[in-house]
Amino acid sequence: MRPKKVPIRTCIGCGKKGEKWGFIRIGLTKDGRLLISPDAKGEGRGAYVCPNERCIREAVKQKRISKALRTRFCSEQLQSLREQLLGLLKGGSEDEEEKG
């Protein structure tokens, strides 16, 4: 019996590779909403970022999120996303998945 393949993902902030559950997933729904998934689950196009402030800032600042998700975001959307991700790190937001 073959061993189960472990999904490897790459952080869009620093380029580090690792198992997908070691990252925060940023997904894009079919209707264009962003979903943040700290447990790295989700459907559709997604991007992964290390759960640290430096990687989050780099991913947003360099617009790597837009490139990874193959869509454009205005600066307000990127700022909001950055704040949500940083809030998630600080434990200030348990319901980010529901808000989108």
PDB file of N, CA and C in Angstrom:
ATOM      1  N   MET A   1       0.842  -1.187   0.000  1.00  0.00           N
ATOM      2  CA  MET A   1       0.000   0.000   0.000  1.00  0.00           C
ATOM      3  C   MET A   1       0.885   1.248   0.000  1.00  0.00           C
ATOM      4  N   ARG A   2       0.554   2.203  -0.855  1.00  0.00           N
ATOM      5  CA  ARG A   2       1.331   3.439  -0.949  1.00  0.00           C
ATOM      6  C   ARG A   2       1.028   4.352   0.226  1.00  0.00           C
ATOM      7  N   PRO A   3       2.052   5.037   0.716  1.00  0.00           N
ATOM      8  CA  PRO A   3       1.787   6.033   1.766  1.00  0.00           C
ATOM      9  C   PRO A   3       1.024   7.217   1.185  1.00  0.00           C
ATOM     10  N   LYS A   4       0.195   7.820   2.011  1.00  0.00           N
ATOM     11  CA  LYS A   4      -0.609   8.960   1.569  1.00  0.00           C
ATOM     12  C   LYS A   4       0.296  10.158   1.282  1.00  0.00           C
ATOM     13  N   LYS A   5       0.044  10.821   0.175  1.00  0.00           N
ATOM     14  CA  LYS A   5       0.844  11.971  -0.233  1.00  0.00           C
ATOM     15  C   LYS A   5       0.466  13.196   0.598  1.00  0.00           C
ATOM     16  N   VAL A   6       1.466  13.870   1.126  1.00  0.00           N
ATOM     17  CA  VAL A   6       1.245  15.067   1.934  1.00  0.00           C
ATOM     18  C   VAL A   6       1.299  16.289   1.023  1.00  0.00           C
ATOM     19  N   PRO A   7       0.234  17.116   1.028  1.00  0.00           N
ATOM     20  CA  PRO A   7       0.237  18.302   0.165  1.00  0.00           C
ATOM     21  C   PRO A   7       1.263  19.338   0.623  1.00  0.00           C
ATOM     22  N   ILE A   8       2.105  19.773  -0.294  1.00  0.00           N
ATOM     23  CA  ILE A   8       3.122  20.786  -0.007  1.00  0.00           C
ATOM     24  C   ILE A   8       2.674  22.103  -0.635  1.00  0.00           C
ATOM     25  N   ARG A   9       2.761  23.170   0.122  1.00  0.00           N
ATOM     26  CA  ARG A   9       2.365  24.495  -0.344  1.00  0.00           C
ATOM     27  C   ARG A   9       3.528  25.464  -0.160  1.00  0.00           C
ATOM     28  N   THR A  10       3.453  26.609  -0.829  1.00  0.00           N
ATOM     29  CA  THR A  10       4.495  27.625  -0.766  1.00  0.00           C
ATOM     30  C   THR A  10       3.906  28.928  -0.257  1.00  0.00           C
ATOM     31  N   CYS A  11       4.581  29.548   0.704  1.00  0.00           N
ATOM     32  CA  CYS A  11       4.159  30.841   1.240  1.00  0.00           C
ATOM     33  C   CYS A  11       4.395  31.916   0.182  1.00  0.00           C
ATOM     34  N   ILE A  12       3.374  32.743  -0.065  1.00  0.00           N
ATOM     35  CA  ILE A  12       3.533  33.813  -1.052  1.00  0.00           C
ATOM     36  C   ILE A  12       4.283  35.009  -0.469  1.00  0.00           C
ATOM     37  N   GLY A  13       4.553  34.985   0.826  1.00  0.00           N
ATOM     38  CA  GLY A  13       5.306  36.065   1.457  1.00  0.00           C
ATOM     39  C   GLY A  13       6.805  35.838   1.404  1.00  0.00           C
ATOM     40  N   CYS A  14       7.237  34.613   1.780  1.00  0.00           N
ATOM     41  CA  CYS A  14       8.675  34.347   1.876  1.00  0.00           C
ATOM     42  C   CYS A  14       9.169  33.232   0.959  1.00  0.00           C
ATOM     43  N   GLY A  15       8.254  32.436   0.413  1.00  0.00           N
ATOM     44  CA  GLY A  15       8.649  31.351  -0.476  1.00  0.00           C
ATOM     45  C   GLY A  15       8.933  30.036   0.229  1.00  0.00           C
ATOM     46  N   LYS A  16       8.751  29.991   1.541  1.00  0.00           N
ATOM     47  CA  LYS A  16       8.984  28.766   2.309  1.00  0.00           C
ATOM     48  C   LYS A  16       7.987  27.699   1.882  1.00  0.00           C
ATOM     49  N   LYS A  17       8.454  26.457   1.774  1.00  0.00           N
ATOM     50  CA  LYS A  17       7.587  25.339   1.421  1.00  0.00           C
ATOM     51  C   LYS A  17       7.326  24.496   2.660  1.00  0.00           C
ATOM     52  N   GLY A  18       6.127  23.932   2.715  1.00  0.00           N
ATOM     53  CA  GLY A  18       5.789  23.084   3.848  1.00  0.00           C
ATOM     54  C   GLY A  18       4.423  22.457   3.676  1.00  0.00           C
ATOM     55  N   GLU A  19       4.027  21.671   4.677  1.00  0.00           N
ATOM     56  CA  GLU A  19       2.717  21.036   4.655  1.00  0.00           C
ATOM     57  C   GLU A  19       1.639  22.105   4.723  1.00  0.00           C
ATOM     58  N   LYS A  20       0.534  21.880   4.029  1.00  0.00           N
ATOM     59  CA  LYS A  20      -0.471  22.932   3.889  1.00  0.00           C
ATOM     60  C   LYS A  20      -1.061  23.384   5.206  1.00  0.00           C
ATOM     61  N   TRP A  21      -1.152  22.519   6.205  1.00  0.00           N
ATOM     62  CA  TRP A  21      -1.751  22.940   7.470  1.00  0.00           C
ATOM     63  C   TRP A  21      -0.801  23.778   8.309  1.00  0.00           C
ATOM     64  N   GLY A  22       0.391  24.063   7.825  1.00  0.00           N
ATOM     65  CA  GLY A  22       1.306  24.972   8.497  1.00  0.00           C
ATOM     66  C   GLY A  22       1.145  26.416   8.032  1.00  0.00           C
ATOM     67  N   PHE A  23       0.154  26.654   7.172  1.00  0.00           N
ATOM     68  CA  PHE A  23      -0.058  27.971   6.587  1.00  0.00           C
ATOM     69  C   PHE A  23      -1.490  28.447   6.819  1.00  0.00           C
ATOM     70  N   ILE A  24      -1.710  29.722   6.578  1.00  0.00           N
ATOM     71  CA  ILE A  24      -3.055  30.290   6.533  1.00  0.00           C
ATOM     72  C   ILE A  24      -3.439  30.345   5.060  1.00  0.00           C
ATOM     73  N   ARG A  25      -4.630  29.863   4.746  1.00  0.00           N
ATOM     74  CA  ARG A  25      -5.088  29.866   3.354  1.00  0.00           C
ATOM     75  C   ARG A  25      -5.967  31.081   3.097  1.00  0.00           C
ATOM     76  N   ILE A  26      -5.692  31.750   2.000  1.00  0.00           N
ATOM     77  CA  ILE A  26      -6.518  32.862   1.542  1.00  0.00           C
ATOM     78  C   ILE A  26      -7.168  32.373   0.258  1.00  0.00           C
ATOM     79  N   GLY A  27      -8.481  32.239   0.288  1.00  0.00           N
ATOM     80  CA  GLY A  27      -9.193  31.690  -0.857  1.00  0.00           C
ATOM     81  C   GLY A  27     -10.075  32.718  -1.532  1.00  0.00           C
ATOM     82  N   LEU A  28     -10.394  32.441  -2.760  1.00  0.00           N
ATOM     83  CA  LEU A  28     -11.265  33.307  -3.544  1.00  0.00           C
ATOM     84  C   LEU A  28     -12.476  32.486  -3.972  1.00  0.00           C
ATOM     85  N   THR A  29     -13.670  32.939  -3.573  1.00  0.00           N
ATOM     86  CA  THR A  29     -14.892  32.228  -3.940  1.00  0.00           C
ATOM     87  C   THR A  29     -15.271  32.552  -5.382  1.00  0.00           C
ATOM     88  N   LYS A  30     -16.221  31.809  -5.909  1.00  0.00           N
ATOM     89  CA  LYS A  30     -16.668  32.041  -7.288  1.00  0.00           C
ATOM     90  C   LYS A  30     -17.272  33.421  -7.476  1.00  0.00           C
ATOM     91  N   ASP A  31     -17.860  33.970  -6.402  1.00  0.00           N
ATOM     92  CA  ASP A  31     -18.450  35.310  -6.506  1.00  0.00           C
ATOM     93  C   ASP A  31     -17.463  36.422  -6.155  1.00  0.00           C
ATOM     94  N   GLY A  32     -16.178  36.070  -5.997  1.00  0.00           N
ATOM     95  CA  GLY A  32     -15.141  37.074  -5.812  1.00  0.00           C
ATOM     96  C   GLY A  32     -14.848  37.489  -4.383  1.00  0.00           C
ATOM     97  N   ARG A  33     -15.443  36.809  -3.399  1.00  0.00           N
ATOM     98  CA  ARG A  33     -15.166  37.147  -1.999  1.00  0.00           C
ATOM     99  C   ARG A  33     -13.895  36.450  -1.529  1.00  0.00           C
ATOM    100  N   LEU A  34     -13.168  37.114  -0.647  1.00  0.00           N
ATOM    101  CA  LEU A  34     -11.983  36.526  -0.039  1.00  0.00           C
ATOM    102  C   LEU A  34     -12.381  35.790   1.227  1.00  0.00           C
ATOM    103  N   LEU A  35     -11.845  34.591   1.407  1.00  0.00           N
ATOM    104  CA  LEU A  35     -12.079  33.825   2.615  1.00  0.00           C
ATOM    105  C   LEU A  35     -10.741  33.470   3.238  1.00  0.00           C
ATOM    106  N   ILE A  36     -10.613  33.726   4.522  1.00  0.00           N
ATOM    107  CA  ILE A  36      -9.398  33.390   5.250  1.00  0.00           C
ATOM    108  C   ILE A  36      -9.663  32.111   6.019  1.00  0.00           C
ATOM    109  N   SER A  37      -8.794  31.132   5.838  1.00  0.00           N
ATOM    110  CA  SER A  37      -8.976  29.839   6.478  1.00  0.00           C
ATOM    111  C   SER A  37      -7.714  29.450   7.240  1.00  0.00           C
ATOM    112  N   PRO A  38      -7.709  29.635   8.576  1.00  0.00           N
ATOM    113  CA  PRO A  38      -6.520  29.288   9.353  1.00  0.00           C
ATOM    114  C   PRO A  38      -6.219  27.793   9.369  1.00  0.00           C
ATOM    115  N   ASP A  39      -7.216  26.952   9.065  1.00  0.00           N
ATOM    116  CA  ASP A  39      -6.983  25.507   9.044  1.00  0.00           C
ATOM    117  C   ASP A  39      -6.622  24.998   7.645  1.00  0.00           C
ATOM    118  N   ALA A  40      -6.366  25.914   6.717  1.00  0.00           N
ATOM    119  CA  ALA A  40      -5.900  25.612   5.353  1.00  0.00           C
ATOM    120  C   ALA A  40      -6.882  24.771   4.555  1.00  0.00           C
ATOM    121  N   LYS A  41      -8.169  24.894   4.852  1.00  0.00           N
ATOM    122  CA  LYS A  41      -9.179  24.168   4.086  1.00  0.00           C
ATOM    123  C   LYS A  41      -9.945  25.147   3.216  1.00  0.00           C
ATOM    124  N   GLY A  42     -10.399  24.671   2.086  1.00  0.00           N
ATOM    125  CA  GLY A  42     -11.199  25.521   1.219  1.00  0.00           C
ATOM    126  C   GLY A  42     -11.205  25.009  -0.199  1.00  0.00           C
ATOM    127  N   GLU A  43     -12.162  25.495  -0.948  1.00  0.00           N
ATOM    128  CA  GLU A  43     -12.276  25.114  -2.350  1.00  0.00           C
ATOM    129  C   GLU A  43     -11.895  26.288  -3.232  1.00  0.00           C
ATOM    130  N   GLY A  44     -11.630  26.002  -4.481  1.00  0.00           N
ATOM    131  CA  GLY A  44     -11.318  27.060  -5.428  1.00  0.00           C
ATOM    132  C   GLY A  44      -9.879  27.522  -5.328  1.00  0.00           C
ATOM    133  N   ARG A  45      -9.607  28.616  -6.016  1.00  0.00           N
ATOM    134  CA  ARG A  45      -8.253  29.159  -6.057  1.00  0.00           C
ATOM    135  C   ARG A  45      -7.851  29.660  -4.684  1.00  0.00           C
ATOM    136  N   GLY A  46      -6.642  29.321  -4.270  1.00  0.00           N
ATOM    137  CA  GLY A  46      -6.169  29.745  -2.963  1.00  0.00           C
ATOM    138  C   GLY A  46      -4.696  30.085  -2.974  1.00  0.00           C
ATOM    139  N   ALA A  47      -4.297  30.842  -1.977  1.00  0.00           N
ATOM    140  CA  ALA A  47      -2.899  31.202  -1.774  1.00  0.00           C
ATOM    141  C   ALA A  47      -2.588  30.935  -0.307  1.00  0.00           C
ATOM    142  N   TYR A  48      -1.341  30.669  -0.018  1.00  0.00           N
ATOM    143  CA  TYR A  48      -0.952  30.324   1.340  1.00  0.00           C
ATOM    144  C   TYR A  48       0.098  31.296   1.849  1.00  0.00           C
ATOM    145  N   VAL A  49       0.002  31.600   3.146  1.00  0.00           N
ATOM    146  CA  VAL A  49       0.954  32.513   3.764  1.00  0.00           C
ATOM    147  C   VAL A  49       1.322  31.961   5.143  1.00  0.00           C
ATOM    148  N   CYS A  50       2.596  32.103   5.514  1.00  0.00           N
ATOM    149  CA  CYS A  50       3.034  31.683   6.847  1.00  0.00           C
ATOM    150  C   CYS A  50       2.279  32.484   7.902  1.00  0.00           C
ATOM    151  N   PRO A  51       2.012  31.879   9.043  1.00  0.00           N
ATOM    152  CA  PRO A  51       1.287  32.604  10.092  1.00  0.00           C
ATOM    153  C   PRO A  51       2.201  33.543  10.874  1.00  0.00           C
ATOM    154  N   ASN A  52       2.819  34.489  10.179  1.00  0.00           N
ATOM    155  CA  ASN A  52       3.625  35.500  10.866  1.00  0.00           C
ATOM    156  C   ASN A  52       3.469  36.851  10.166  1.00  0.00           C
ATOM    157  N   GLU A  53       3.710  37.881  10.929  1.00  0.00           N
ATOM    158  CA  GLU A  53       3.464  39.250  10.467  1.00  0.00           C
ATOM    159  C   GLU A  53       4.303  39.628   9.248  1.00  0.00           C
ATOM    160  N   ARG A  54       5.556  39.229   9.238  1.00  0.00           N
ATOM    161  CA  ARG A  54       6.446  39.599   8.140  1.00  0.00           C
ATOM    162  C   ARG A  54       5.946  39.056   6.799  1.00  0.00           C
ATOM    163  N   CYS A  55       5.557  37.795   6.776  1.00  0.00           N
ATOM    164  CA  CYS A  55       5.080  37.192   5.531  1.00  0.00           C
ATOM    165  C   CYS A  55       3.773  37.821   5.066  1.00  0.00           C
ATOM    166  N   ILE A  56       2.887  38.113   6.009  1.00  0.00           N
ATOM    167  CA  ILE A  56       1.612  38.746   5.658  1.00  0.00           C
ATOM    168  C   ILE A  56       1.858  40.115   5.047  1.00  0.00           C
ATOM    169  N   ARG A  57       2.720  40.900   5.675  1.00  0.00           N
ATOM    170  CA  ARG A  57       3.021  42.239   5.148  1.00  0.00           C
ATOM    171  C   ARG A  57       3.651  42.161   3.754  1.00  0.00           C
ATOM    172  N   GLU A  58       4.570  41.235   3.554  1.00  0.00           N
ATOM    173  CA  GLU A  58       5.216  41.086   2.245  1.00  0.00           C
ATOM    174  C   GLU A  58       4.220  40.643   1.175  1.00  0.00           C
ATOM    175  N   ALA A  59       3.364  39.714   1.523  1.00  0.00           N
ATOM    176  CA  ALA A  59       2.382  39.208   0.557  1.00  0.00           C
ATOM    177  C   ALA A  59       1.451  40.319   0.089  1.00  0.00           C
ATOM    178  N   VAL A  60       1.052  41.189   1.004  1.00  0.00           N
ATOM    179  CA  VAL A  60       0.147  42.284   0.647  1.00  0.00           C
ATOM    180  C   VAL A  60       0.909  43.417  -0.031  1.00  0.00           C
ATOM    181  N   LYS A  61       2.054  43.779   0.514  1.00  0.00           N
ATOM    182  CA  LYS A  61       2.825  44.901  -0.022  1.00  0.00           C
ATOM    183  C   LYS A  61       3.275  44.644  -1.460  1.00  0.00           C
ATOM    184  N   GLN A  62       3.724  43.473  -1.731  1.00  0.00           N
ATOM    185  CA  GLN A  62       4.226  43.141  -3.066  1.00  0.00           C
ATOM    186  C   GLN A  62       3.117  42.701  -4.022  1.00  0.00           C
ATOM    187  N   LYS A  63       1.875  42.744  -3.546  1.00  0.00           N
ATOM    188  CA  LYS A  63       0.708  42.352  -4.347  1.00  0.00           C
ATOM    189  C   LYS A  63       0.805  40.914  -4.841  1.00  0.00           C
ATOM    190  N   ARG A  64       1.468  40.084  -4.062  1.00  0.00           N
ATOM    191  CA  ARG A  64       1.592  38.676  -4.426  1.00  0.00           C
ATOM    192  C   ARG A  64       0.260  37.951  -4.301  1.00  0.00           C
ATOM    193  N   ILE A  65      -0.603  38.445  -3.428  1.00  0.00           N
ATOM    194  CA  ILE A  65      -1.926  37.838  -3.274  1.00  0.00           C
ATOM    195  C   ILE A  65      -2.701  37.980  -4.580  1.00  0.00           C
ATOM    196  N   SER A  66      -2.656  39.157  -5.177  1.00  0.00           N
ATOM    197  CA  SER A  66      -3.355  39.387  -6.448  1.00  0.00           C
ATOM    198  C   SER A  66      -2.844  38.445  -7.531  1.00  0.00           C
ATOM    199  N   LYS A  67      -1.545  38.279  -7.593  1.00  0.00           N
ATOM    200  CA  LYS A  67      -0.954  37.413  -8.607  1.00  0.00           C
ATOM    201  C   LYS A  67      -1.333  35.953  -8.364  1.00  0.00           C
ATOM    202  N   ALA A  68      -1.254  35.507  -7.114  1.00  0.00           N
ATOM    203  CA  ALA A  68      -1.557  34.113  -6.794  1.00  0.00           C
ATOM    204  C   ALA A  68      -3.023  33.769  -7.035  1.00  0.00           C
ATOM    205  N   LEU A  69      -3.906  34.714  -6.753  1.00  0.00           N
ATOM    206  CA  LEU A  69      -5.338  34.468  -6.923  1.00  0.00           C
ATOM    207  C   LEU A  69      -5.841  34.865  -8.310  1.00  0.00           C
ATOM    208  N   ARG A  70      -4.942  35.388  -9.125  1.00  0.00           N
ATOM    209  CA  ARG A  70      -5.240  35.776 -10.514  1.00  0.00           C
ATOM    210  C   ARG A  70      -6.406  36.755 -10.612  1.00  0.00           C
ATOM    211  N   THR A  71      -6.358  37.756  -9.765  1.00  0.00           N
ATOM    212  CA  THR A  71      -7.364  38.810  -9.804  1.00  0.00           C
ATOM    213  C   THR A  71      -6.754  40.087  -9.248  1.00  0.00           C
ATOM    214  N   ARG A  72      -7.416  41.193  -9.462  1.00  0.00           N
ATOM    215  CA  ARG A  72      -6.930  42.476  -8.954  1.00  0.00           C
ATOM    216  C   ARG A  72      -7.762  42.899  -7.760  1.00  0.00           C
ATOM    217  N   PHE A  73      -7.075  43.493  -6.803  1.00  0.00           N
ATOM    218  CA  PHE A  73      -7.738  44.037  -5.627  1.00  0.00           C
ATOM    219  C   PHE A  73      -7.359  45.498  -5.501  1.00  0.00           C
ATOM    220  N   CYS A  74      -8.298  46.321  -5.047  1.00  0.00           N
ATOM    221  CA  CYS A  74      -7.976  47.726  -4.808  1.00  0.00           C
ATOM    222  C   CYS A  74      -7.181  47.814  -3.503  1.00  0.00           C
ATOM    223  N   SER A  75      -6.546  48.939  -3.276  1.00  0.00           N
ATOM    224  CA  SER A  75      -5.704  49.096  -2.089  1.00  0.00           C
ATOM    225  C   SER A  75      -6.508  48.954  -0.799  1.00  0.00           C
ATOM    226  N   GLU A  76      -7.785  49.362  -0.817  1.00  0.00           N
ATOM    227  CA  GLU A  76      -8.623  49.224   0.381  1.00  0.00           C
ATOM    228  C   GLU A  76      -8.871  47.751   0.703  1.00  0.00           C
ATOM    229  N   GLN A  77      -9.091  46.944  -0.324  1.00  0.00           N
ATOM    230  CA  GLN A  77      -9.300  45.512  -0.109  1.00  0.00           C
ATOM    231  C   GLN A  77      -8.038  44.861   0.453  1.00  0.00           C
ATOM    232  N   LEU A  78      -6.889  45.241  -0.087  1.00  0.00           N
ATOM    233  CA  LEU A  78      -5.632  44.679   0.397  1.00  0.00           C
ATOM    234  C   LEU A  78      -5.357  45.101   1.836  1.00  0.00           C
ATOM    235  N   GLN A  79      -5.645  46.354   2.160  1.00  0.00           N
ATOM    236  CA  GLN A  79      -5.466  46.847   3.523  1.00  0.00           C
ATOM    237  C   GLN A  79      -6.380  46.082   4.484  1.00  0.00           C
ATOM    238  N   SER A  80      -7.624  45.883   4.094  1.00  0.00           N
ATOM    239  CA  SER A  80      -8.581  45.150   4.919  1.00  0.00           C
ATOM    240  C   SER A  80      -8.129  43.706   5.126  1.00  0.00           C
ATOM    241  N   LEU A  81      -7.656  43.081   4.063  1.00  0.00           N
ATOM    242  CA  LEU A  81      -7.166  41.708   4.157  1.00  0.00           C
ATOM    243  C   LEU A  81      -5.984  41.627   5.112  1.00  0.00           C
ATOM    244  N   ARG A  82      -5.052  42.563   4.986  1.00  0.00           N
ATOM    245  CA  ARG A  82      -3.881  42.578   5.868  1.00  0.00           C
ATOM    246  C   ARG A  82      -4.312  42.709   7.321  1.00  0.00           C
ATOM    247  N   GLU A  83      -5.249  43.611   7.594  1.00  0.00           N
ATOM    248  CA  GLU A  83      -5.728  43.809   8.963  1.00  0.00           C
ATOM    249  C   GLU A  83      -6.420  42.558   9.497  1.00  0.00           C
ATOM    250  N   GLN A  84      -7.206  41.891   8.656  1.00  0.00           N
ATOM    251  CA  GLN A  84      -7.874  40.658   9.084  1.00  0.00           C
ATOM    252  C   GLN A  84      -6.861  39.567   9.411  1.00  0.00           C
ATOM    253  N   LEU A  85      -5.849  39.424   8.553  1.00  0.00           N
ATOM    254  CA  LEU A  85      -4.830  38.403   8.785  1.00  0.00           C
ATOM    255  C   LEU A  85      -4.030  38.691  10.055  1.00  0.00           C
ATOM    256  N   LEU A  86      -3.648  39.952  10.242  1.00  0.00           N
ATOM    257  CA  LEU A  86      -2.899  40.310  11.446  1.00  0.00           C
ATOM    258  C   LEU A  86      -3.767  40.141  12.689  1.00  0.00           C
ATOM    259  N   GLY A  87      -5.054  40.453  12.585  1.00  0.00           N
ATOM    260  CA  GLY A  87      -5.971  40.243  13.701  1.00  0.00           C
ATOM    261  C   GLY A  87      -6.101  38.771  14.049  1.00  0.00           C
ATOM    262  N   LEU A  88      -6.093  37.931  13.036  1.00  0.00           N
ATOM    263  CA  LEU A  88      -6.161  36.492  13.247  1.00  0.00           C
ATOM    264  C   LEU A  88      -4.936  36.007  14.015  1.00  0.00           C
ATOM    265  N   LEU A  89      -3.773  36.551  13.681  1.00  0.00           N
ATOM    266  CA  LEU A  89      -2.546  36.178  14.384  1.00  0.00           C
ATOM    267  C   LEU A  89      -2.597  36.557  15.858  1.00  0.00           C
ATOM    268  N   LYS A  90      -3.193  37.700  16.125  1.00  0.00           N
ATOM    269  CA  LYS A  90      -3.250  38.195  17.501  1.00  0.00           C
ATOM    270  C   LYS A  90      -4.402  37.577  18.283  1.00  0.00           C
ATOM    271  N   GLY A  91      -5.189  36.721  17.630  1.00  0.00           N
ATOM    272  CA  GLY A  91      -6.286  36.046  18.306  1.00  0.00           C
ATOM    273  C   GLY A  91      -7.510  36.910  18.506  1.00  0.00           C
ATOM    274  N   GLY A  92      -7.547  38.047  17.836  1.00  0.00           N
ATOM    275  CA  GLY A  92      -8.655  38.966  18.024  1.00  0.00           C
ATOM    276  C   GLY A  92      -9.855  38.681  17.155  1.00  0.00           C
ATOM    277  N   SER A  93      -9.817  37.599  16.366  1.00  0.00           N
ATOM    278  CA  SER A  93     -10.913  37.376  15.431  1.00  0.00           C
ATOM    279  C   SER A  93     -11.120  35.893  15.188  1.00  0.00           C
ATOM    280  N   GLU A  94     -12.086  35.315  15.875  1.00  0.00           N
ATOM    281  CA  GLU A  94     -12.351  33.890  15.716  1.00  0.00           C
ATOM    282  C   GLU A  94     -13.270  33.590  14.545  1.00  0.00           C
ATOM    283  N   ASP A  95     -14.024  34.569  14.073  1.00  0.00           N
ATOM    284  CA  ASP A  95     -15.038  34.291  13.059  1.00  0.00           C
ATOM    285  C   ASP A  95     -14.697  34.877  11.697  1.00  0.00           C
ATOM    286  N   GLU A  96     -13.436  34.952  11.329  1.00  0.00           N
ATOM    287  CA  GLU A  96     -13.043  35.526  10.045  1.00  0.00           C
ATOM    288  C   GLU A  96     -13.588  34.723   8.866  1.00  0.00           C
ATOM    289  N   GLU A  97     -13.705  33.393   9.033  1.00  0.00           N
ATOM    290  CA  GLU A  97     -14.198  32.583   7.928  1.00  0.00           C
ATOM    291  C   GLU A  97     -15.625  32.968   7.571  1.00  0.00           C
ATOM    292  N   GLU A  98     -16.432  33.301   8.569  1.00  0.00           N
ATOM    293  CA  GLU A  98     -17.819  33.648   8.318  1.00  0.00           C
ATOM    294  C   GLU A  98     -17.947  35.031   7.688  1.00  0.00           C
ATOM    295  N   LYS A  99     -17.079  35.964   8.068  1.00  0.00           N
ATOM    296  CA  LYS A  99     -17.136  37.329   7.539  1.00  0.00           C
ATOM    297  C   LYS A  99     -16.687  37.389   6.098  1.00  0.00           C
ATOM    298  N   GLY A 100     -15.574  36.661   5.785  1.00  0.00           N
ATOM    299  CA  GLY A 100     -15.044  36.683   4.413  1.00  0.00           C
ATOM    300  C   GLY A 100     -14.306  37.896   4.187  1.00  0.00           C
TER     301      GLY A 100
END
